[in-house]
Amino acid sequence: MMKKQLIMEKALELFAEKGFEATSVQQITEHCGISKGAFYLSFKSKDELILALIDYFMMQFTSDIDYVVKNTKNDDELLYTFYYTIFNSFSKHADFAKILIKEQMRSFNEEFLIKGRTYDQAMDDIILSMVERLYGDEVKQTKHDVMYCVKGFMKTYSELFLFYDLPLDLHLLAKSLVEKTNVLASHITIPFISTELIQLRYQPLNGEATKEQILEILEQNIQEIEESIEKESLVLLKQQILEPTLSPALVKGLLENIRTHPHCKWSTYALRNYFKL
């Protein structure tokens, strides 16, 4: 196991037990069985470790949901698949989700808040694209309200997984939320959240990754990954940004090669948006 990965996994165990603030670097190194010097070779500070954890999990989560929305061809199955994937992911990564929910209201680090808002915006964009696809003109004036209702379902029902030891039927939960969402989309008539309000909320953020940012991410991935089909695909995708020569079908195939690699989740998401796939 890579040292960074070991530190992140062991730190997550402590964060889940004690919270971010109450966990010291000393406790993390003792739990990992490494020296402080070894820790600081991987992370400059505890805050950098926390941000790396957020990136690691949120990149995977956001990319997986984006993939489901863009690649579920049957509209009748899309909403169910979306909700099932969301809550299945929550249940698999319950420790991290608990920490994030508990800590996100504490302004201990401005970069933490900015990252949280960036991923939140990405999820808004994914849900909104799904709402527009499923309901079209029916929700032209209320699509942002529907999107916020979907986010509300995600947050509220996730608490059943995270804070109560209840037996939960994912299939039934997804079916139930599909029904609720369809009812709301069909009957909401008074819009509250306008496009202008959304734009004001997003104003401080940079929006989608720039070409230069994507190239930087790709180069980092290429350096981190050993020789493999994923690495070869990353090199070709980087070249495609610099000098486009490949067809959309070939680019989509290259994205499929990297999408399940844990280090390539955010790259896949950013590239899908960049290439409009």
C-alpha atoms as a PDB file:
ATOM      1  CA  MET A   1       0.000   0.000   0.000  1.00  0.00           C
ATOM      2  CA  MET A   2       1.299   3.477  -0.870  1.00  0.00           C
ATOM      3  CA  LYS A   3       2.334   5.490   2.198  1.00  0.00           C
ATOM      4  CA  LYS A   4      -0.080   8.315   1.375  1.00  0.00           C
ATOM      5  CA  GLN A   5      -2.919   5.832   1.051  1.00  0.00           C
ATOM      6  CA  LEU A   6      -2.008   4.199   4.376  1.00  0.00           C
ATOM      7  CA  ILE A   7      -1.977   7.554   6.166  1.00  0.00           C
ATOM      8  CA  MET A   8      -5.321   8.552   4.666  1.00  0.00           C
ATOM      9  CA  GLU A   9      -7.004   5.272   5.616  1.00  0.00           C
ATOM     10  CA  LYS A  10      -5.661   5.232   9.173  1.00  0.00           C
ATOM     11  CA  ALA A  11      -6.388   8.944   9.686  1.00  0.00           C
ATOM     12  CA  LEU A  12      -9.964   8.381   8.540  1.00  0.00           C
ATOM     13  CA  GLU A  13     -10.425   5.848  11.332  1.00  0.00           C
ATOM     14  CA  LEU A  14      -9.312   8.426  13.902  1.00  0.00           C
ATOM     15  CA  PHE A  15     -11.311  11.271  12.355  1.00  0.00           C
ATOM     16  CA  ALA A  16     -14.441   9.098  12.463  1.00  0.00           C
ATOM     17  CA  GLU A  17     -13.855   8.480  16.173  1.00  0.00           C
ATOM     18  CA  LYS A  18     -12.639  11.897  17.328  1.00  0.00           C
ATOM     19  CA  GLY A  19     -13.382  14.445  14.599  1.00  0.00           C
ATOM     20  CA  PHE A  20     -10.910  16.554  12.636  1.00  0.00           C
ATOM     21  CA  GLU A  21     -10.022  19.082  15.302  1.00  0.00           C
ATOM     22  CA  ALA A  22      -9.523  16.618  18.164  1.00  0.00           C
ATOM     23  CA  THR A  23      -7.144  14.398  16.194  1.00  0.00           C
ATOM     24  CA  SER A  24      -3.462  15.363  16.262  1.00  0.00           C
ATOM     25  CA  VAL A  25      -0.682  14.518  13.814  1.00  0.00           C
ATOM     26  CA  GLN A  26       1.004  12.630  16.672  1.00  0.00           C
ATOM     27  CA  GLN A  27      -2.059  10.407  17.072  1.00  0.00           C
ATOM     28  CA  ILE A  28      -2.181   9.799  13.315  1.00  0.00           C
ATOM     29  CA  THR A  29       1.496   8.790  13.104  1.00  0.00           C
ATOM     30  CA  GLU A  30       1.152   6.469  16.110  1.00  0.00           C
ATOM     31  CA  HIS A  31      -1.926   4.868  14.574  1.00  0.00           C
ATOM     32  CA  CYS A  32      -0.053   4.383  11.288  1.00  0.00           C
ATOM     33  CA  GLY A  33       3.130   3.154  12.932  1.00  0.00           C
ATOM     34  CA  ILE A  34       5.265   5.787  11.186  1.00  0.00           C
ATOM     35  CA  SER A  35       7.384   8.751  12.257  1.00  0.00           C
ATOM     36  CA  LYS A  36       6.311  12.379  12.038  1.00  0.00           C
ATOM     37  CA  GLY A  37       9.012  12.873   9.435  1.00  0.00           C
ATOM     38  CA  ALA A  38       7.415  10.207   7.249  1.00  0.00           C
ATOM     39  CA  PHE A  39       4.041  11.918   7.659  1.00  0.00           C
ATOM     40  CA  TYR A  40       5.399  15.313   6.599  1.00  0.00           C
ATOM     41  CA  LEU A  41       7.022  13.773   3.532  1.00  0.00           C
ATOM     42  CA  SER A  42       3.493  12.908   2.356  1.00  0.00           C
ATOM     43  CA  PHE A  43       1.495  15.855   3.736  1.00  0.00           C
ATOM     44  CA  LYS A  44       2.659  19.314   4.753  1.00  0.00           C
ATOM     45  CA  SER A  45       0.048  19.538   7.511  1.00  0.00           C
ATOM     46  CA  LYS A  46      -3.052  17.921   8.967  1.00  0.00           C
ATOM     47  CA  ASP A  47      -5.185  20.352   6.961  1.00  0.00           C
ATOM     48  CA  GLU A  48      -3.547  19.184   3.733  1.00  0.00           C
ATOM     49  CA  LEU A  49      -4.341  15.588   4.724  1.00  0.00           C
ATOM     50  CA  ILE A  50      -7.975  16.507   5.389  1.00  0.00           C
ATOM     51  CA  LEU A  51      -8.275  18.226   2.016  1.00  0.00           C
ATOM     52  CA  ALA A  52      -6.699  15.193   0.328  1.00  0.00           C
ATOM     53  CA  LEU A  53      -9.308  12.963   1.983  1.00  0.00           C
ATOM     54  CA  ILE A  54     -12.111  15.228   0.811  1.00  0.00           C
ATOM     55  CA  ASP A  55     -10.735  15.189  -2.723  1.00  0.00           C
ATOM     56  CA  TYR A  56     -10.244  11.426  -2.711  1.00  0.00           C
ATOM     57  CA  PHE A  57     -13.795  10.572  -1.683  1.00  0.00           C
ATOM     58  CA  MET A  58     -15.675  13.428  -3.327  1.00  0.00           C
ATOM     59  CA  MET A  59     -13.899  12.959  -6.668  1.00  0.00           C
ATOM     60  CA  GLN A  60     -14.976   9.307  -6.705  1.00  0.00           C
ATOM     61  CA  PHE A  61     -18.507  10.060  -5.558  1.00  0.00           C
ATOM     62  CA  THR A  62     -19.103  12.932  -8.004  1.00  0.00           C
ATOM     63  CA  SER A  63     -17.536  11.104 -10.928  1.00  0.00           C
ATOM     64  CA  ASP A  64     -19.544   7.920 -10.288  1.00  0.00           C
ATOM     65  CA  ILE A  65     -22.855   9.821 -10.136  1.00  0.00           C
ATOM     66  CA  ASP A  66     -21.972  11.820 -13.242  1.00  0.00           C
ATOM     67  CA  TYR A  67     -21.218   8.558 -15.070  1.00  0.00           C
ATOM     68  CA  VAL A  68     -24.545   7.024 -14.036  1.00  0.00           C
ATOM     69  CA  VAL A  69     -26.527  10.055 -15.199  1.00  0.00           C
ATOM     70  CA  LYS A  70     -24.739  10.284 -18.539  1.00  0.00           C
ATOM     71  CA  ASN A  71     -24.680   6.573 -19.323  1.00  0.00           C
ATOM     72  CA  THR A  72     -28.091   5.323 -18.193  1.00  0.00           C
ATOM     73  CA  LYS A  73     -29.879   5.339 -21.529  1.00  0.00           C
ATOM     74  CA  ASN A  74     -33.363   4.382 -20.342  1.00  0.00           C
ATOM     75  CA  ASP A  75     -35.129   7.422 -18.882  1.00  0.00           C
ATOM     76  CA  ASP A  76     -37.506   5.158 -16.957  1.00  0.00           C
ATOM     77  CA  GLU A  77     -34.541   3.693 -15.065  1.00  0.00           C
ATOM     78  CA  LEU A  78     -32.460   6.853 -14.644  1.00  0.00           C
ATOM     79  CA  LEU A  79     -33.922   8.296 -11.448  1.00  0.00           C
ATOM     80  CA  TYR A  80     -33.992   4.900  -9.717  1.00  0.00           C
ATOM     81  CA  THR A  81     -30.381   4.185 -10.712  1.00  0.00           C
ATOM     82  CA  PHE A  82     -29.350   7.671  -9.537  1.00  0.00           C
ATOM     83  CA  TYR A  83     -30.875   7.251  -6.074  1.00  0.00           C
ATOM     84  CA  TYR A  84     -29.680   3.653  -5.683  1.00  0.00           C
ATOM     85  CA  THR A  85     -26.114   4.633  -6.588  1.00  0.00           C
ATOM     86  CA  ILE A  86     -26.180   7.620  -4.214  1.00  0.00           C
ATOM     87  CA  PHE A  87     -27.303   5.665  -1.157  1.00  0.00           C
ATOM     88  CA  ASN A  88     -25.216   2.612  -1.972  1.00  0.00           C
ATOM     89  CA  SER A  89     -22.188   4.900  -1.991  1.00  0.00           C
ATOM     90  CA  PHE A  90     -23.265   6.501   1.306  1.00  0.00           C
ATOM     91  CA  SER A  91     -23.521   3.072   2.919  1.00  0.00           C
ATOM     92  CA  LYS A  92     -20.101   1.961   1.626  1.00  0.00           C
ATOM     93  CA  HIS A  93     -18.347   5.146   2.782  1.00  0.00           C
ATOM     94  CA  ALA A  94     -20.360   5.820   5.915  1.00  0.00           C
ATOM     95  CA  ASP A  95     -17.357   6.808   8.059  1.00  0.00           C
ATOM     96  CA  PHE A  96     -16.270   9.545   5.690  1.00  0.00           C
ATOM     97  CA  ALA A  97     -19.824  10.778   5.090  1.00  0.00           C
ATOM     98  CA  LYS A  98     -20.410  11.083   8.848  1.00  0.00           C
ATOM     99  CA  ILE A  99     -17.258  13.154   9.265  1.00  0.00           C
ATOM    100  CA  LEU A 100     -18.098  15.424   6.360  1.00  0.00           C
ATOM    101  CA  ILE A 101     -21.638  16.127   7.566  1.00  0.00           C
ATOM    102  CA  LYS A 102     -20.453  16.815  11.116  1.00  0.00           C
ATOM    103  CA  GLU A 103     -17.535  19.020  10.112  1.00  0.00           C
ATOM    104  CA  GLN A 104     -18.807  20.935   7.085  1.00  0.00           C
ATOM    105  CA  MET A 105     -20.565  23.537   9.219  1.00  0.00           C
ATOM    106  CA  ARG A 106     -17.354  24.383  11.097  1.00  0.00           C
ATOM    107  CA  SER A 107     -15.353  27.078   9.315  1.00  0.00           C
ATOM    108  CA  PHE A 108     -11.991  25.722  10.438  1.00  0.00           C
ATOM    109  CA  ASN A 109     -10.405  26.202   7.036  1.00  0.00           C
ATOM    110  CA  GLU A 110     -11.439  28.441   4.159  1.00  0.00           C
ATOM    111  CA  GLU A 111     -10.080  26.006   1.593  1.00  0.00           C
ATOM    112  CA  PHE A 112     -12.232  23.271   3.147  1.00  0.00           C
ATOM    113  CA  LEU A 113     -15.320  25.413   2.570  1.00  0.00           C
ATOM    114  CA  ILE A 114     -14.303  26.283  -0.998  1.00  0.00           C
ATOM    115  CA  LYS A 115     -13.737  22.623  -1.846  1.00  0.00           C
ATOM    116  CA  GLY A 116     -17.083  21.689  -0.346  1.00  0.00           C
ATOM    117  CA  ARG A 117     -18.855  24.320  -2.400  1.00  0.00           C
ATOM    118  CA  THR A 118     -17.020  23.281  -5.563  1.00  0.00           C
ATOM    119  CA  TYR A 119     -18.169  19.670  -5.249  1.00  0.00           C
ATOM    120  CA  ASP A 120     -21.635  20.875  -4.263  1.00  0.00           C
ATOM    121  CA  GLN A 121     -21.826  22.907  -7.460  1.00  0.00           C
ATOM    122  CA  ALA A 122     -20.679  19.927  -9.513  1.00  0.00           C
ATOM    123  CA  MET A 123     -23.456  17.808  -7.976  1.00  0.00           C
ATOM    124  CA  ASP A 124     -25.993  20.582  -8.654  1.00  0.00           C
ATOM    125  CA  ASP A 125     -24.991  20.541 -12.320  1.00  0.00           C
ATOM    126  CA  ILE A 126     -25.356  16.759 -12.533  1.00  0.00           C
ATOM    127  CA  ILE A 127     -28.784  16.718 -10.867  1.00  0.00           C
ATOM    128  CA  LEU A 128     -30.014  19.662 -12.929  1.00  0.00           C
ATOM    129  CA  SER A 129     -29.025  17.945 -16.177  1.00  0.00           C
ATOM    130  CA  MET A 130     -30.968  14.863 -15.041  1.00  0.00           C
ATOM    131  CA  VAL A 131     -34.039  16.914 -14.095  1.00  0.00           C
ATOM    132  CA  GLU A 132     -34.016  18.711 -17.462  1.00  0.00           C
ATOM    133  CA  ARG A 133     -33.648  15.412 -19.311  1.00  0.00           C
ATOM    134  CA  LEU A 134     -36.469  13.670 -17.431  1.00  0.00           C
ATOM    135  CA  TYR A 135     -39.055  16.437 -17.208  1.00  0.00           C
ATOM    136  CA  GLY A 136     -38.186  18.897 -19.996  1.00  0.00           C
ATOM    137  CA  ASP A 137     -40.539  21.854 -20.428  1.00  0.00           C
ATOM    138  CA  GLU A 138     -42.737  20.583 -17.601  1.00  0.00           C
ATOM    139  CA  VAL A 139     -40.237  22.011 -15.121  1.00  0.00           C
ATOM    140  CA  LYS A 140     -38.869  24.901 -17.188  1.00  0.00           C
ATOM    141  CA  GLN A 141     -39.701  27.429 -14.443  1.00  0.00           C
ATOM    142  CA  THR A 142     -39.216  25.123 -11.450  1.00  0.00           C
ATOM    143  CA  LYS A 143     -36.217  22.977 -12.401  1.00  0.00           C
ATOM    144  CA  HIS A 144     -33.934  24.522  -9.771  1.00  0.00           C
ATOM    145  CA  ASP A 145     -36.555  23.920  -7.069  1.00  0.00           C
ATOM    146  CA  VAL A 146     -36.835  20.272  -8.166  1.00  0.00           C
ATOM    147  CA  MET A 147     -33.063  19.991  -8.090  1.00  0.00           C
ATOM    148  CA  TYR A 148     -32.980  21.286  -4.510  1.00  0.00           C
ATOM    149  CA  CYS A 149     -35.737  18.856  -3.515  1.00  0.00           C
ATOM    150  CA  VAL A 150     -33.615  15.969  -4.868  1.00  0.00           C
ATOM    151  CA  LYS A 151     -30.642  17.243  -2.839  1.00  0.00           C
ATOM    152  CA  GLY A 152     -32.908  17.451   0.199  1.00  0.00           C
ATOM    153  CA  PHE A 153     -33.915  13.815  -0.222  1.00  0.00           C
ATOM    154  CA  MET A 154     -30.257  12.839  -0.512  1.00  0.00           C
ATOM    155  CA  LYS A 155     -29.287  14.648   2.683  1.00  0.00           C
ATOM    156  CA  THR A 156     -32.302  13.711   4.800  1.00  0.00           C
ATOM    157  CA  TYR A 157     -32.491  10.028   3.942  1.00  0.00           C
ATOM    158  CA  SER A 158     -28.719   9.590   4.178  1.00  0.00           C
ATOM    159  CA  GLU A 159     -29.057  10.234   7.909  1.00  0.00           C
ATOM    160  CA  LEU A 160     -30.848   6.890   8.230  1.00  0.00           C
ATOM    161  CA  PHE A 161     -27.634   5.229   7.047  1.00  0.00           C
ATOM    162  CA  LEU A 162     -25.234   7.398   8.951  1.00  0.00           C
ATOM    163  CA  PHE A 163     -26.706   8.146  12.359  1.00  0.00           C
ATOM    164  CA  TYR A 164     -29.194   5.353  13.061  1.00  0.00           C
ATOM    165  CA  ASP A 165     -28.478   1.644  13.066  1.00  0.00           C
ATOM    166  CA  LEU A 166     -31.496   0.737  10.958  1.00  0.00           C
ATOM    167  CA  PRO A 167     -31.942  -2.082   8.456  1.00  0.00           C
ATOM    168  CA  LEU A 168     -32.521  -0.349   5.126  1.00  0.00           C
ATOM    169  CA  ASP A 169     -33.770  -1.718   1.826  1.00  0.00           C
ATOM    170  CA  LEU A 170     -31.914   0.245  -0.880  1.00  0.00           C
ATOM    171  CA  HIS A 171     -34.235  -0.992  -3.614  1.00  0.00           C
ATOM    172  CA  LEU A 172     -37.351   0.155  -1.738  1.00  0.00           C
ATOM    173  CA  LEU A 173     -35.756   3.471  -0.788  1.00  0.00           C
ATOM    174  CA  ALA A 174     -34.813   4.256  -4.394  1.00  0.00           C
ATOM    175  CA  LYS A 175     -38.308   3.328  -5.642  1.00  0.00           C
ATOM    176  CA  SER A 176     -39.913   5.465  -2.940  1.00  0.00           C
ATOM    177  CA  LEU A 177     -37.791   8.512  -3.791  1.00  0.00           C
ATOM    178  CA  VAL A 178     -38.491   8.104  -7.511  1.00  0.00           C
ATOM    179  CA  GLU A 179     -42.203   8.322  -6.736  1.00  0.00           C
ATOM    180  CA  LYS A 180     -41.761  11.367  -4.483  1.00  0.00           C
ATOM    181  CA  THR A 181     -39.580  13.158  -7.029  1.00  0.00           C
ATOM    182  CA  ASN A 182     -42.055  12.513  -9.857  1.00  0.00           C
ATOM    183  CA  VAL A 183     -44.921  13.857  -7.750  1.00  0.00           C
ATOM    184  CA  LEU A 184     -42.992  17.020  -6.870  1.00  0.00           C
ATOM    185  CA  ALA A 185     -41.853  17.624 -10.452  1.00  0.00           C
ATOM    186  CA  SER A 186     -45.449  17.291 -11.671  1.00  0.00           C
ATOM    187  CA  HIS A 187     -47.062  19.502  -9.035  1.00  0.00           C
ATOM    188  CA  ILE A 188     -44.627  22.292  -8.158  1.00  0.00           C
ATOM    189  CA  THR A 189     -46.133  25.447  -9.653  1.00  0.00           C
ATOM    190  CA  ILE A 190     -44.573  28.303  -7.670  1.00  0.00           C
ATOM    191  CA  PRO A 191     -40.832  28.638  -8.371  1.00  0.00           C
ATOM    192  CA  PHE A 192     -38.643  30.086  -5.650  1.00  0.00           C
ATOM    193  CA  ILE A 193     -35.090  29.418  -6.825  1.00  0.00           C
ATOM    194  CA  SER A 194     -34.459  31.480  -9.940  1.00  0.00           C
ATOM    195  CA  THR A 195     -31.575  31.225 -12.400  1.00  0.00           C
ATOM    196  CA  GLU A 196     -30.362  34.609 -11.134  1.00  0.00           C
ATOM    197  CA  LEU A 197     -30.311  33.320  -7.551  1.00  0.00           C
ATOM    198  CA  ILE A 198     -28.279  30.294  -8.636  1.00  0.00           C
ATOM    199  CA  GLN A 199     -25.820  32.521 -10.495  1.00  0.00           C
ATOM    200  CA  LEU A 200     -25.359  34.703  -7.421  1.00  0.00           C
ATOM    201  CA  ARG A 201     -24.693  31.617  -5.310  1.00  0.00           C
ATOM    202  CA  TYR A 202     -22.072  30.356  -7.733  1.00  0.00           C
ATOM    203  CA  GLN A 203     -20.471  33.735  -8.394  1.00  0.00           C
ATOM    204  CA  PRO A 204     -17.435  33.299  -6.099  1.00  0.00           C
ATOM    205  CA  LEU A 205     -16.540  29.953  -7.653  1.00  0.00           C
ATOM    206  CA  ASN A 206     -14.517  29.342 -10.754  1.00  0.00           C
ATOM    207  CA  GLY A 207     -16.944  26.898 -12.375  1.00  0.00           C
ATOM    208  CA  GLU A 208     -15.630  24.124 -14.591  1.00  0.00           C
ATOM    209  CA  ALA A 209     -11.953  23.257 -14.627  1.00  0.00           C
ATOM    210  CA  THR A 210      -9.911  25.190 -17.174  1.00  0.00           C
ATOM    211  CA  LYS A 211      -7.834  23.532 -19.885  1.00  0.00           C
ATOM    212  CA  GLU A 212      -4.667  24.307 -17.927  1.00  0.00           C
ATOM    213  CA  GLN A 213      -6.107  22.834 -14.717  1.00  0.00           C
ATOM    214  CA  ILE A 214      -7.143  19.640 -16.505  1.00  0.00           C
ATOM    215  CA  LEU A 215      -3.688  19.286 -18.063  1.00  0.00           C
ATOM    216  CA  GLU A 216      -2.123  19.702 -14.627  1.00  0.00           C
ATOM    217  CA  ILE A 217      -4.395  17.024 -13.146  1.00  0.00           C
ATOM    218  CA  LEU A 218      -3.631  14.665 -16.026  1.00  0.00           C
ATOM    219  CA  GLU A 219       0.117  15.139 -15.652  1.00  0.00           C
ATOM    220  CA  GLN A 220      -0.136  14.401 -11.943  1.00  0.00           C
ATOM    221  CA  ASN A 221      -2.118  11.213 -12.675  1.00  0.00           C
ATOM    222  CA  ILE A 222       0.416  10.141 -15.296  1.00  0.00           C
ATOM    223  CA  GLN A 223       3.254  10.546 -12.798  1.00  0.00           C
ATOM    224  CA  GLU A 224       1.417   8.632 -10.051  1.00  0.00           C
ATOM    225  CA  ILE A 225       0.203   5.623 -12.060  1.00  0.00           C
ATOM    226  CA  GLU A 226       2.448   2.715 -13.031  1.00  0.00           C
ATOM    227  CA  GLU A 227       2.632   1.492 -16.629  1.00  0.00           C
ATOM    228  CA  SER A 228      -0.833   0.264 -17.544  1.00  0.00           C
ATOM    229  CA  ILE A 229      -3.728   0.745 -19.957  1.00  0.00           C
ATOM    230  CA  GLU A 230      -4.896   3.582 -17.699  1.00  0.00           C
ATOM    231  CA  LYS A 231      -1.571   5.405 -17.973  1.00  0.00           C
ATOM    232  CA  GLU A 232      -1.492   4.980 -21.759  1.00  0.00           C
ATOM    233  CA  SER A 233      -5.046   6.314 -21.962  1.00  0.00           C
ATOM    234  CA  LEU A 234      -4.160   9.343 -19.837  1.00  0.00           C
ATOM    235  CA  VAL A 235      -1.233  10.166 -22.126  1.00  0.00           C
ATOM    236  CA  LEU A 236      -3.498   9.962 -25.196  1.00  0.00           C
ATOM    237  CA  LEU A 237      -6.191  12.091 -23.530  1.00  0.00           C
ATOM    238  CA  LYS A 238      -3.621  14.724 -22.622  1.00  0.00           C
ATOM    239  CA  GLN A 239      -2.435  14.752 -26.232  1.00  0.00           C
ATOM    240  CA  GLN A 240      -6.051  15.064 -27.399  1.00  0.00           C
ATOM    241  CA  ILE A 241      -6.425  18.275 -25.372  1.00  0.00           C
ATOM    242  CA  LEU A 242      -3.198  19.694 -26.767  1.00  0.00           C
ATOM    243  CA  GLU A 243      -3.741  18.533 -30.343  1.00  0.00           C
ATOM    244  CA  PRO A 244      -7.203  17.063 -31.112  1.00  0.00           C
ATOM    245  CA  THR A 245      -7.046  14.214 -33.635  1.00  0.00           C
ATOM    246  CA  LEU A 246      -9.247  11.456 -32.181  1.00  0.00           C
ATOM    247  CA  SER A 247     -12.929  10.852 -32.840  1.00  0.00           C
ATOM    248  CA  PRO A 248     -15.468  11.294 -29.981  1.00  0.00           C
ATOM    249  CA  ALA A 249     -15.959   7.499 -29.933  1.00  0.00           C
ATOM    250  CA  LEU A 250     -12.240   6.903 -29.341  1.00  0.00           C
ATOM    251  CA  VAL A 251     -12.110   9.601 -26.638  1.00  0.00           C
ATOM    252  CA  LYS A 252     -15.105   7.993 -24.939  1.00  0.00           C
ATOM    253  CA  GLY A 253     -13.294   4.643 -25.041  1.00  0.00           C
ATOM    254  CA  LEU A 254     -10.206   6.160 -23.435  1.00  0.00           C
ATOM    255  CA  LEU A 255     -12.373   7.673 -20.702  1.00  0.00           C
ATOM    256  CA  GLU A 256     -13.921   4.277 -20.106  1.00  0.00           C
ATOM    257  CA  ASN A 257     -10.406   2.863 -19.610  1.00  0.00           C
ATOM    258  CA  ILE A 258      -9.641   5.264 -16.747  1.00  0.00           C
ATOM    259  CA  ARG A 259     -12.991   5.868 -15.084  1.00  0.00           C
ATOM    260  CA  THR A 260     -12.767   3.106 -12.449  1.00  0.00           C
ATOM    261  CA  HIS A 261      -9.180   3.865 -11.387  1.00  0.00           C
ATOM    262  CA  PRO A 262      -9.285   5.531  -7.931  1.00  0.00           C
ATOM    263  CA  HIS A 263      -6.717   8.176  -8.933  1.00  0.00           C
ATOM    264  CA  CYS A 264      -8.585   9.107 -12.132  1.00  0.00           C
ATOM    265  CA  LYS A 265     -12.096   9.837 -10.905  1.00  0.00           C
ATOM    266  CA  TRP A 266     -11.824  13.612 -11.059  1.00  0.00           C
ATOM    267  CA  SER A 267      -9.888  13.481 -14.317  1.00  0.00           C
ATOM    268  CA  THR A 268     -12.697  11.436 -15.868  1.00  0.00           C
ATOM    269  CA  TYR A 269     -15.357  13.860 -14.644  1.00  0.00           C
ATOM    270  CA  ALA A 270     -13.442  16.946 -15.814  1.00  0.00           C
ATOM    271  CA  LEU A 271     -12.638  15.374 -19.201  1.00  0.00           C
ATOM    272  CA  ARG A 272     -16.228  14.306 -19.826  1.00  0.00           C
ATOM    273  CA  ASN A 273     -17.281  17.909 -19.336  1.00  0.00           C
ATOM    274  CA  TYR A 274     -14.379  19.279 -21.365  1.00  0.00           C
ATOM    275  CA  PHE A 275     -15.105  17.008 -24.333  1.00  0.00           C
ATOM    276  CA  LYS A 276     -18.900  17.370 -23.866  1.00  0.00           C
ATOM    277  CA  LEU A 277     -19.390  13.592 -23.644  1.00  0.00           C
END
